Each structure stands twice: as C-alpha cells, then as structure tokens.
Protein backbone atom coordinates (compact mmCIF):
# COMPACT_ATOMS: atom_id res chain seq x y z
CA MET A 1 -19.62 -1.86 -25.69
CA GLY A 2 -16.81 -2.83 -23.42
CA SER A 3 -13.71 -0.51 -23.01
CA LEU A 4 -10.37 -1.57 -24.84
CA VAL A 5 -7.45 -2.04 -22.41
CA PRO A 6 -4.02 -0.90 -24.22
CA ALA A 7 -1.80 -4.28 -24.46
CA PHE A 8 0.64 -2.86 -22.29
CA ALA A 9 0.14 0.14 -19.32
CA GLN A 10 1.92 3.27 -19.44
CA GLY A 11 4.25 4.71 -16.16
CA GLU A 12 5.63 7.89 -16.06
CA ASP A 13 8.64 8.95 -18.46
CA LYS A 14 12.06 7.30 -17.57
CA GLN A 15 15.55 7.08 -19.34
CA ILE A 16 16.49 3.69 -20.20
CA GLN A 17 19.55 3.16 -22.31
CA VAL A 18 19.30 0.61 -24.81
CA HIS A 19 23.01 -1.42 -25.51
CA LEU A 20 22.91 -2.68 -28.93
CA ALA A 21 25.80 -3.91 -31.30
CA ASN A 22 28.56 -2.20 -28.99
CA GLU A 23 26.64 1.21 -28.60
CA VAL A 24 23.98 2.43 -26.25
CA ILE A 25 21.42 4.38 -27.36
CA PRO A 26 19.66 6.54 -24.59
CA LEU A 27 15.57 7.04 -24.96
CA ASN A 28 12.15 7.72 -22.94
CA SER A 29 9.77 5.35 -22.34
CA HIS A 30 6.40 5.03 -20.38
CA ALA A 31 6.18 1.51 -20.51
CA THR A 32 6.31 -0.16 -17.03
CA THR A 33 7.81 -3.40 -18.17
CA VAL A 34 10.99 -4.35 -20.76
CA ALA A 35 7.99 -6.25 -22.88
CA GLY A 36 5.87 -2.61 -22.85
CA PHE A 37 9.10 -0.50 -24.27
CA LEU A 38 9.99 -3.22 -27.00
CA ASP A 39 6.59 -2.92 -28.21
CA GLU A 40 7.09 1.30 -27.74
CA LEU A 41 10.13 0.57 -29.94
CA SER A 42 7.93 -2.10 -31.91
CA ILE A 43 10.71 -4.67 -31.59
CA ASN A 44 9.82 -7.76 -32.89
CA LEU A 45 12.57 -10.45 -30.88
CA PRO A 46 14.14 -13.62 -32.54
CA GLN A 47 14.23 -16.78 -30.86
CA ASP A 48 18.16 -16.74 -30.48
CA ALA A 49 17.68 -13.02 -29.18
CA PHE A 50 18.95 -12.04 -25.23
CA VAL A 51 17.28 -9.59 -23.89
CA ASP A 52 18.61 -8.12 -19.47
CA PRO A 53 16.96 -7.52 -17.92
CA PRO A 54 13.63 -10.37 -19.23
CA VAL A 55 11.01 -9.48 -20.76
CA ASN A 56 8.71 -9.28 -17.90
CA ALA A 57 10.75 -7.37 -15.36
CA ALA A 58 9.60 -3.15 -14.36
CA LEU A 59 11.51 -1.03 -16.16
CA ASN A 60 12.77 1.60 -13.86
CA ASP A 61 14.11 5.40 -14.73
CA GLY A 62 17.98 5.13 -15.27
CA MET A 63 18.07 1.23 -15.95
CA SER A 64 20.20 -0.31 -18.84
CA VAL A 65 18.23 -2.42 -21.37
CA PHE A 66 20.64 -5.36 -23.20
CA LEU A 67 19.90 -6.26 -26.83
CA GLU A 68 21.67 -9.23 -27.97
CA GLY A 69 21.32 -10.68 -31.73
CA LEU A 70 19.08 -8.24 -33.22
CA SER A 71 19.97 -6.51 -35.90
CA VAL A 72 19.19 -2.93 -37.66
C-alpha cells in the first residue's frame, strides 16, 4: 500500500495575525501556505470572499492575513 500524504505540508510554528471583522486575532500555525492555514482553521471560503495574501502564497512567521466576506 502507498503512504498517505497530507493535503498541506507542515512547517515550523508561525505566529499569524488574522484580520477579520475589524478585529485582529493572533493565531499560531504550522502550515506552509495561506491555503494550508485556512484548512487548519476549517475555513471554507465563499466565492465572494477576499483573502490577502492570496491562498497560494507562502505563510511566514509574523505575517498578517486579511479575510473579508466571512461571517463567524
């Protein structure tokens, strides 16, 4: 049998600032991309959602991720 490969690679622990609904939420992540970070949080983006940086961008320690068009 083949080995299972995780959907998103895991890297070192990073501190990320999430900007959502006029709040800044400090979170930690091991994801290597913004998409992986959103997956860790079980966030499914609606079609009209805005994410900056884009979901295919690398996730770096200390970065901010802006989410618009999501309800919590």
